[in-house]
Amino acid sequence: MKLLAALPLILPAVNAVTLCKDFRLKVEAGIYDGAFVRKSPDNPYYVIDTSGSSGEIFELVENILVDSDQVSLIVGNSGEVRGALTDEVPIPGFFFFDNNYDLKLKSGDDFYVCDTDPARWDIFGLGVVNKNWCTKVELVKARLQLNCAPWD
């Protein structure tokens, strides 16, 4: 009975821990500062959205970046950041440094935002290959809740 009485106090704490684990990814610095990473309308790709979108929710599980649909992110053969297809096995390669804040790849590759569709002024490609019309960017965690402890 005591456990049932304590349930209303325990559940919010469990939810806060879960929400504090989840995060969004946003661009820090440069002309794309504050823009979020989100799924492209042309799935399975991920893009930088400068329209004010709140972005995709992610979690880092054993150095594999996973989105809110539990799809693992990978870097494709052409250098694009995309969701793994059902027959692809994601290889751990994402990690955070600088107080567990900046997203990096184990390969040492940098992230780039590329103007892939001149007709779209608010959606830009995300990859690790520096092609024409690309800008190197830093991707950082953005909290879902303000009352979380500092990054662990």
N, C-alpha and C. Protein backbone atom coordinates (compact mmCIF):
# COMPACT_ATOMS: atom_id res chain seq x y z
N MET A 1 0.81 -1.19 0.00
CA MET A 1 0.00 0.00 0.00
C MET A 1 0.86 1.26 0.00
N LYS A 2 1.96 1.21 0.77
CA LYS A 2 2.82 2.39 0.82
C LYS A 2 3.41 2.70 -0.55
N LEU A 3 3.74 1.63 -1.30
CA LEU A 3 4.28 1.82 -2.64
C LEU A 3 3.25 2.49 -3.55
N LEU A 4 2.01 2.07 -3.47
CA LEU A 4 0.96 2.70 -4.27
C LEU A 4 0.77 4.16 -3.89
N ALA A 5 0.88 4.45 -2.62
CA ALA A 5 0.74 5.84 -2.17
C ALA A 5 1.90 6.70 -2.67
N ALA A 6 3.08 6.10 -2.82
CA ALA A 6 4.25 6.84 -3.26
C ALA A 6 4.32 6.97 -4.78
N LEU A 7 3.52 6.21 -5.50
CA LEU A 7 3.56 6.21 -6.96
C LEU A 7 3.43 7.60 -7.58
N PRO A 8 2.53 8.46 -7.11
CA PRO A 8 2.44 9.81 -7.70
C PRO A 8 3.73 10.61 -7.54
N LEU A 9 4.54 10.29 -6.56
CA LEU A 9 5.81 10.99 -6.37
C LEU A 9 6.92 10.37 -7.20
N ILE A 10 6.86 9.06 -7.41
CA ILE A 10 7.92 8.35 -8.13
C ILE A 10 7.83 8.59 -9.63
N LEU A 11 6.63 8.52 -10.21
CA LEU A 11 6.48 8.63 -11.66
C LEU A 11 7.02 9.94 -12.24
N PRO A 12 6.75 11.10 -11.64
CA PRO A 12 7.34 12.32 -12.20
C PRO A 12 8.87 12.30 -12.17
N ALA A 13 9.45 11.70 -11.14
CA ALA A 13 10.91 11.62 -11.05
C ALA A 13 11.46 10.73 -12.16
N VAL A 14 10.80 9.61 -12.44
CA VAL A 14 11.24 8.72 -13.52
C VAL A 14 11.12 9.43 -14.85
N ASN A 15 10.01 10.13 -15.08
CA ASN A 15 9.84 10.87 -16.33
C ASN A 15 10.89 11.96 -16.48
N ALA A 16 11.24 12.64 -15.42
CA ALA A 16 12.27 13.70 -15.49
C ALA A 16 13.61 13.11 -15.87
N VAL A 17 13.95 11.94 -15.32
CA VAL A 17 15.22 11.30 -15.67
C VAL A 17 15.23 10.95 -17.15
N THR A 18 14.13 10.38 -17.65
CA THR A 18 14.04 10.03 -19.06
C THR A 18 14.15 11.28 -19.93
N LEU A 19 13.42 12.33 -19.60
CA LEU A 19 13.48 13.55 -20.39
C LEU A 19 14.84 14.21 -20.32
N CYS A 20 15.55 14.06 -19.22
CA CYS A 20 16.87 14.66 -19.11
C CYS A 20 17.90 13.88 -19.93
N LYS A 21 17.62 12.62 -20.25
CA LYS A 21 18.50 11.82 -21.10
C LYS A 21 18.33 12.21 -22.55
N ASP A 22 17.12 12.56 -22.93
CA ASP A 22 16.81 12.91 -24.31
C ASP A 22 17.25 14.35 -24.60
N PHE A 23 17.51 14.63 -25.86
CA PHE A 23 17.98 15.96 -26.23
C PHE A 23 17.68 16.20 -27.70
N ARG A 24 17.79 17.44 -28.08
CA ARG A 24 17.76 17.82 -29.49
C ARG A 24 19.19 18.18 -29.88
N LEU A 25 19.45 18.22 -31.16
CA LEU A 25 20.75 18.67 -31.66
C LEU A 25 20.54 19.98 -32.40
N LYS A 26 21.38 20.95 -32.06
CA LYS A 26 21.28 22.23 -32.76
C LYS A 26 22.67 22.68 -33.19
N VAL A 27 22.67 23.56 -34.18
CA VAL A 27 23.91 24.13 -34.69
C VAL A 27 24.33 25.25 -33.76
N GLU A 28 25.62 25.31 -33.46
CA GLU A 28 26.14 26.38 -32.63
C GLU A 28 27.14 27.18 -33.45
N ALA A 29 26.92 28.47 -33.51
CA ALA A 29 27.79 29.43 -34.20
C ALA A 29 27.56 29.44 -35.71
N GLY A 30 27.98 30.52 -36.32
CA GLY A 30 27.87 30.65 -37.76
C GLY A 30 26.48 31.08 -38.21
N ILE A 31 26.27 31.05 -39.51
CA ILE A 31 25.01 31.54 -40.06
C ILE A 31 23.83 30.62 -39.76
N TYR A 32 24.09 29.40 -39.35
CA TYR A 32 23.01 28.46 -39.01
C TYR A 32 22.79 28.35 -37.51
N ASP A 33 23.38 29.25 -36.73
CA ASP A 33 23.32 29.19 -35.27
C ASP A 33 21.88 29.07 -34.78
N GLY A 34 21.64 28.09 -33.91
CA GLY A 34 20.33 27.90 -33.32
C GLY A 34 19.38 27.02 -34.13
N ALA A 35 19.76 26.66 -35.36
CA ALA A 35 18.91 25.78 -36.18
C ALA A 35 19.02 24.35 -35.66
N PHE A 36 17.93 23.61 -35.75
CA PHE A 36 17.88 22.25 -35.21
C PHE A 36 17.99 21.19 -36.30
N VAL A 37 18.45 20.01 -35.88
CA VAL A 37 18.48 18.83 -36.75
C VAL A 37 17.10 18.19 -36.68
N ARG A 38 16.56 17.84 -37.84
CA ARG A 38 15.28 17.13 -37.86
C ARG A 38 15.26 16.17 -39.05
N LYS A 39 14.26 15.30 -39.05
CA LYS A 39 14.09 14.38 -40.18
C LYS A 39 13.69 15.17 -41.41
N SER A 40 14.22 14.76 -42.52
CA SER A 40 13.86 15.38 -43.79
C SER A 40 12.50 14.88 -44.24
N PRO A 41 11.77 15.72 -44.99
CA PRO A 41 10.55 15.21 -45.61
C PRO A 41 10.87 14.04 -46.55
N ASP A 42 12.12 14.00 -47.02
CA ASP A 42 12.59 12.90 -47.88
C ASP A 42 13.33 11.89 -47.02
N ASN A 43 12.59 11.22 -46.12
CA ASN A 43 13.23 10.23 -45.24
C ASN A 43 14.10 9.31 -46.04
N PRO A 44 15.15 8.78 -45.54
CA PRO A 44 15.56 8.71 -44.14
C PRO A 44 16.61 9.75 -43.76
N TYR A 45 16.72 10.84 -44.50
CA TYR A 45 17.79 11.80 -44.27
C TYR A 45 17.47 12.76 -43.13
N TYR A 46 18.53 13.33 -42.56
CA TYR A 46 18.40 14.35 -41.52
C TYR A 46 18.93 15.65 -42.08
N VAL A 47 18.27 16.73 -41.72
CA VAL A 47 18.59 18.04 -42.27
C VAL A 47 18.70 19.07 -41.16
N ILE A 48 19.20 20.23 -41.53
CA ILE A 48 19.21 21.39 -40.65
C ILE A 48 18.03 22.27 -41.07
N ASP A 49 17.19 22.61 -40.09
CA ASP A 49 15.98 23.38 -40.36
C ASP A 49 16.11 24.75 -39.71
N THR A 50 16.11 25.80 -40.52
CA THR A 50 16.25 27.17 -40.00
C THR A 50 14.91 27.88 -39.87
N SER A 51 13.81 27.16 -40.07
CA SER A 51 12.48 27.79 -40.05
C SER A 51 11.92 28.00 -38.65
N GLY A 52 12.62 27.53 -37.64
CA GLY A 52 12.11 27.64 -36.28
C GLY A 52 11.55 26.34 -35.75
N SER A 53 11.69 25.27 -36.50
CA SER A 53 11.24 23.94 -36.07
C SER A 53 11.96 23.56 -34.78
N SER A 54 11.28 22.80 -33.92
CA SER A 54 11.89 22.41 -32.65
C SER A 54 12.86 21.25 -32.79
N GLY A 55 12.88 20.58 -33.91
CA GLY A 55 13.86 19.53 -34.15
C GLY A 55 13.46 18.16 -33.63
N GLU A 56 14.24 17.18 -34.03
CA GLU A 56 14.04 15.79 -33.65
C GLU A 56 14.59 15.55 -32.24
N ILE A 57 14.00 14.61 -31.53
CA ILE A 57 14.48 14.23 -30.20
C ILE A 57 15.38 13.01 -30.35
N PHE A 58 16.56 13.07 -29.72
CA PHE A 58 17.55 12.00 -29.82
C PHE A 58 17.92 11.47 -28.45
N GLU A 59 18.59 10.32 -28.48
CA GLU A 59 19.19 9.72 -27.30
C GLU A 59 20.47 9.03 -27.78
N LEU A 60 21.50 9.03 -26.97
CA LEU A 60 22.74 8.34 -27.30
C LEU A 60 22.76 7.03 -26.52
N VAL A 61 22.75 5.90 -27.24
CA VAL A 61 22.71 4.58 -26.62
C VAL A 61 23.93 3.80 -27.10
N GLU A 62 24.88 3.58 -26.20
CA GLU A 62 26.10 2.83 -26.52
C GLU A 62 26.79 3.39 -27.76
N ASN A 63 26.96 4.70 -27.80
CA ASN A 63 27.62 5.43 -28.88
C ASN A 63 26.89 5.33 -30.22
N ILE A 64 25.60 4.99 -30.17
CA ILE A 64 24.76 5.01 -31.36
C ILE A 64 23.68 6.07 -31.12
N LEU A 65 23.58 7.02 -32.03
CA LEU A 65 22.58 8.07 -31.93
C LEU A 65 21.25 7.52 -32.43
N VAL A 66 20.20 7.63 -31.60
CA VAL A 66 18.89 7.06 -31.91
C VAL A 66 17.85 8.17 -31.84
N ASP A 67 16.94 8.19 -32.84
CA ASP A 67 15.91 9.22 -32.83
C ASP A 67 14.68 8.75 -32.05
N SER A 68 13.65 9.59 -32.02
CA SER A 68 12.46 9.30 -31.21
C SER A 68 11.67 8.10 -31.72
N ASP A 69 11.91 7.68 -32.96
CA ASP A 69 11.26 6.47 -33.50
C ASP A 69 12.14 5.24 -33.32
N GLN A 70 13.21 5.39 -32.54
CA GLN A 70 14.18 4.32 -32.28
C GLN A 70 14.92 3.89 -33.55
N VAL A 71 15.10 4.83 -34.48
CA VAL A 71 15.89 4.59 -35.69
C VAL A 71 17.31 5.08 -35.41
N SER A 72 18.30 4.23 -35.69
CA SER A 72 19.70 4.58 -35.47
C SER A 72 20.19 5.44 -36.62
N LEU A 73 20.98 6.46 -36.29
CA LEU A 73 21.56 7.32 -37.32
C LEU A 73 22.89 6.74 -37.76
N ILE A 74 23.17 6.88 -39.06
CA ILE A 74 24.44 6.44 -39.61
C ILE A 74 24.92 7.51 -40.59
N VAL A 75 26.18 7.38 -40.99
CA VAL A 75 26.72 8.20 -42.06
C VAL A 75 26.76 7.29 -43.28
N GLY A 76 26.02 7.66 -44.33
CA GLY A 76 25.94 6.85 -45.54
C GLY A 76 27.21 6.92 -46.37
N ASN A 77 27.27 6.12 -47.42
CA ASN A 77 28.46 6.04 -48.28
C ASN A 77 28.80 7.36 -48.94
N SER A 78 27.81 8.22 -49.16
CA SER A 78 28.05 9.52 -49.78
C SER A 78 28.32 10.61 -48.75
N GLY A 79 28.39 10.23 -47.47
CA GLY A 79 28.67 11.20 -46.42
C GLY A 79 27.45 11.84 -45.81
N GLU A 80 26.25 11.41 -46.21
CA GLU A 80 25.02 11.99 -45.68
C GLU A 80 24.69 11.36 -44.33
N VAL A 81 24.08 12.16 -43.45
CA VAL A 81 23.60 11.64 -42.17
C VAL A 81 22.16 11.21 -42.39
N ARG A 82 21.88 9.93 -42.10
CA ARG A 82 20.54 9.40 -42.36
C ARG A 82 20.21 8.30 -41.37
N GLY A 83 18.96 7.89 -41.39
CA GLY A 83 18.52 6.78 -40.56
C GLY A 83 18.95 5.47 -41.19
N ALA A 84 19.32 4.51 -40.34
CA ALA A 84 19.70 3.19 -40.84
C ALA A 84 18.47 2.48 -41.39
N LEU A 85 18.64 1.82 -42.51
CA LEU A 85 17.56 1.02 -43.07
C LEU A 85 17.46 -0.28 -42.28
N THR A 86 16.37 -0.99 -42.42
CA THR A 86 16.13 -2.18 -41.59
C THR A 86 17.21 -3.24 -41.74
N ASP A 87 17.86 -3.33 -42.89
CA ASP A 87 18.88 -4.36 -43.08
C ASP A 87 20.30 -3.86 -42.76
N GLU A 88 20.43 -2.63 -42.30
CA GLU A 88 21.74 -2.07 -41.96
C GLU A 88 21.97 -2.14 -40.45
N VAL A 89 23.18 -2.51 -40.09
CA VAL A 89 23.55 -2.57 -38.67
C VAL A 89 24.37 -1.32 -38.36
N PRO A 90 23.87 -0.45 -37.49
CA PRO A 90 24.63 0.76 -37.17
C PRO A 90 25.90 0.42 -36.39
N ILE A 91 26.97 1.10 -36.71
CA ILE A 91 28.24 0.91 -36.02
C ILE A 91 28.40 2.05 -35.03
N PRO A 92 28.71 1.73 -33.76
CA PRO A 92 28.90 2.82 -32.79
C PRO A 92 29.98 3.78 -33.28
N GLY A 93 29.69 5.05 -33.23
CA GLY A 93 30.67 6.01 -33.70
C GLY A 93 30.41 7.43 -33.28
N PHE A 94 29.28 7.68 -32.62
CA PHE A 94 28.98 9.02 -32.13
C PHE A 94 29.39 9.13 -30.67
N PHE A 95 29.89 10.27 -30.29
CA PHE A 95 30.18 10.51 -28.87
C PHE A 95 30.14 12.01 -28.62
N PHE A 96 30.08 12.37 -27.34
CA PHE A 96 30.08 13.77 -26.95
C PHE A 96 31.36 14.09 -26.20
N PHE A 97 31.88 15.29 -26.37
CA PHE A 97 33.02 15.74 -25.58
C PHE A 97 32.74 17.16 -25.13
N ASP A 98 33.73 17.78 -24.49
CA ASP A 98 33.57 19.13 -23.95
C ASP A 98 32.39 19.16 -22.98
N ASN A 99 32.59 18.46 -21.86
CA ASN A 99 31.55 18.33 -20.82
C ASN A 99 30.29 17.66 -21.36
N ASN A 100 30.48 16.66 -22.27
CA ASN A 100 29.37 15.87 -22.79
C ASN A 100 28.34 16.74 -23.51
N TYR A 101 28.83 17.66 -24.33
CA TYR A 101 27.97 18.67 -24.95
C TYR A 101 28.07 18.68 -26.48
N ASP A 102 29.28 18.61 -27.04
CA ASP A 102 29.50 18.68 -28.49
C ASP A 102 29.49 17.29 -29.11
N LEU A 103 28.69 17.10 -30.16
CA LEU A 103 28.61 15.81 -30.86
C LEU A 103 29.81 15.66 -31.79
N LYS A 104 30.45 14.51 -31.72
CA LYS A 104 31.59 14.20 -32.59
C LYS A 104 31.44 12.79 -33.13
N LEU A 105 32.21 12.50 -34.17
CA LEU A 105 32.27 11.17 -34.75
C LEU A 105 33.61 10.53 -34.42
N LYS A 106 33.59 9.24 -34.13
CA LYS A 106 34.81 8.51 -33.82
C LYS A 106 35.80 8.60 -34.97
N SER A 107 35.30 8.70 -36.20
CA SER A 107 36.15 8.78 -37.39
C SER A 107 36.94 10.08 -37.44
N GLY A 108 36.53 11.09 -36.66
CA GLY A 108 37.19 12.39 -36.69
C GLY A 108 36.62 13.33 -37.74
N ASP A 109 35.66 12.86 -38.52
CA ASP A 109 35.03 13.71 -39.54
C ASP A 109 34.27 14.85 -38.89
N ASP A 110 34.18 15.96 -39.60
CA ASP A 110 33.41 17.11 -39.15
C ASP A 110 32.02 17.06 -39.78
N PHE A 111 31.09 17.82 -39.20
CA PHE A 111 29.75 17.93 -39.76
C PHE A 111 29.68 19.16 -40.66
N TYR A 112 28.93 19.04 -41.76
CA TYR A 112 28.75 20.14 -42.70
C TYR A 112 27.27 20.32 -43.02
N VAL A 113 26.88 21.58 -43.17
CA VAL A 113 25.54 21.92 -43.64
C VAL A 113 25.70 22.36 -45.09
N CYS A 114 24.89 21.76 -45.97
CA CYS A 114 25.03 22.01 -47.40
C CYS A 114 23.72 22.51 -48.00
N ASP A 115 23.85 23.50 -48.86
CA ASP A 115 22.69 24.06 -49.57
C ASP A 115 22.39 23.13 -50.74
N THR A 116 21.55 22.13 -50.49
CA THR A 116 21.30 21.09 -51.49
C THR A 116 20.14 21.40 -52.42
N ASP A 117 19.24 22.27 -52.00
CA ASP A 117 18.06 22.58 -52.81
C ASP A 117 17.84 24.09 -52.81
N PRO A 118 18.28 24.77 -53.89
CA PRO A 118 18.15 26.23 -53.93
C PRO A 118 16.71 26.73 -53.79
N ALA A 119 15.73 25.87 -54.07
CA ALA A 119 14.33 26.28 -53.95
C ALA A 119 13.90 26.36 -52.48
N ARG A 120 14.63 25.70 -51.59
CA ARG A 120 14.30 25.71 -50.16
C ARG A 120 15.24 26.67 -49.44
N TRP A 121 14.70 27.66 -48.80
CA TRP A 121 15.52 28.63 -48.07
C TRP A 121 15.70 28.25 -46.61
N ASP A 122 14.97 27.22 -46.14
CA ASP A 122 14.98 26.90 -44.71
C ASP A 122 15.45 25.49 -44.38
N ILE A 123 15.68 24.64 -45.37
CA ILE A 123 16.10 23.26 -45.14
C ILE A 123 17.44 23.04 -45.84
N PHE A 124 18.41 22.51 -45.09
CA PHE A 124 19.76 22.29 -45.62
C PHE A 124 20.22 20.88 -45.30
N GLY A 125 20.99 20.29 -46.20
CA GLY A 125 21.49 18.94 -46.00
C GLY A 125 22.51 18.87 -44.88
N LEU A 126 22.60 17.72 -44.22
CA LEU A 126 23.56 17.48 -43.15
C LEU A 126 24.42 16.29 -43.54
N GLY A 127 25.73 16.48 -43.50
CA GLY A 127 26.64 15.39 -43.85
C GLY A 127 28.02 15.59 -43.26
N VAL A 128 28.95 14.74 -43.70
CA VAL A 128 30.32 14.83 -43.20
C VAL A 128 31.32 15.07 -44.32
N VAL A 129 30.83 15.37 -45.51
CA VAL A 129 31.70 15.62 -46.66
C VAL A 129 31.60 17.10 -47.02
N ASN A 130 32.75 17.74 -47.17
CA ASN A 130 32.78 19.16 -47.53
C ASN A 130 32.70 19.29 -49.05
N LYS A 131 31.50 19.53 -49.55
CA LYS A 131 31.27 19.71 -50.98
C LYS A 131 31.09 21.21 -51.25
N ASN A 132 30.83 21.54 -52.51
CA ASN A 132 30.49 22.93 -52.83
C ASN A 132 29.25 23.34 -52.06
N TRP A 133 29.19 24.57 -51.67
CA TRP A 133 28.05 25.14 -50.97
C TRP A 133 27.84 24.54 -49.57
N CYS A 134 28.90 24.08 -48.94
CA CYS A 134 28.80 23.51 -47.59
C CYS A 134 29.55 24.37 -46.58
N THR A 135 29.08 24.35 -45.35
CA THR A 135 29.69 25.10 -44.26
C THR A 135 29.92 24.15 -43.09
N LYS A 136 31.13 24.16 -42.55
CA LYS A 136 31.44 23.33 -41.38
C LYS A 136 30.68 23.88 -40.18
N VAL A 137 30.07 22.97 -39.38
CA VAL A 137 29.29 23.39 -38.21
C VAL A 137 29.61 22.49 -37.02
N GLU A 138 29.27 22.98 -35.85
CA GLU A 138 29.32 22.19 -34.62
C GLU A 138 27.88 21.85 -34.24
N LEU A 139 27.64 20.60 -33.87
CA LEU A 139 26.33 20.18 -33.38
C LEU A 139 26.42 19.97 -31.88
N VAL A 140 25.50 20.56 -31.15
CA VAL A 140 25.53 20.49 -29.68
C VAL A 140 24.17 20.05 -29.16
N LYS A 141 24.17 19.56 -27.92
CA LYS A 141 22.94 19.14 -27.26
C LYS A 141 22.11 20.36 -26.87
N ALA A 142 20.82 20.21 -27.00
CA ALA A 142 19.87 21.21 -26.51
C ALA A 142 18.88 20.46 -25.62
N ARG A 143 18.80 20.87 -24.38
CA ARG A 143 17.94 20.19 -23.40
C ARG A 143 16.47 20.31 -23.76
N LEU A 144 15.72 19.27 -23.39
CA LEU A 144 14.26 19.33 -23.53
C LEU A 144 13.64 20.02 -22.34
N GLN A 145 14.30 19.92 -21.18
CA GLN A 145 13.80 20.52 -19.94
C GLN A 145 14.89 21.36 -19.31
N LEU A 146 14.50 22.44 -18.70
CA LEU A 146 15.48 23.32 -18.07
C LEU A 146 15.89 22.86 -16.68
N ASN A 147 15.09 21.99 -16.04
CA ASN A 147 15.39 21.61 -14.66
C ASN A 147 16.26 20.37 -14.56
N CYS A 148 17.01 20.03 -15.60
CA CYS A 148 17.90 18.88 -15.57
C CYS A 148 19.25 19.28 -14.98
N ALA A 149 19.96 18.29 -14.44
CA ALA A 149 21.31 18.52 -13.93
C ALA A 149 22.23 18.83 -15.11
N PRO A 150 23.43 19.36 -14.84
CA PRO A 150 24.38 19.58 -15.93
C PRO A 150 24.64 18.28 -16.69
N TRP A 151 25.12 18.39 -17.93
CA TRP A 151 25.35 17.20 -18.76
C TRP A 151 26.24 16.24 -18.02
N ASP A 152 25.83 14.94 -18.01
CA ASP A 152 26.68 13.93 -17.36
C ASP A 152 27.57 13.31 -18.38
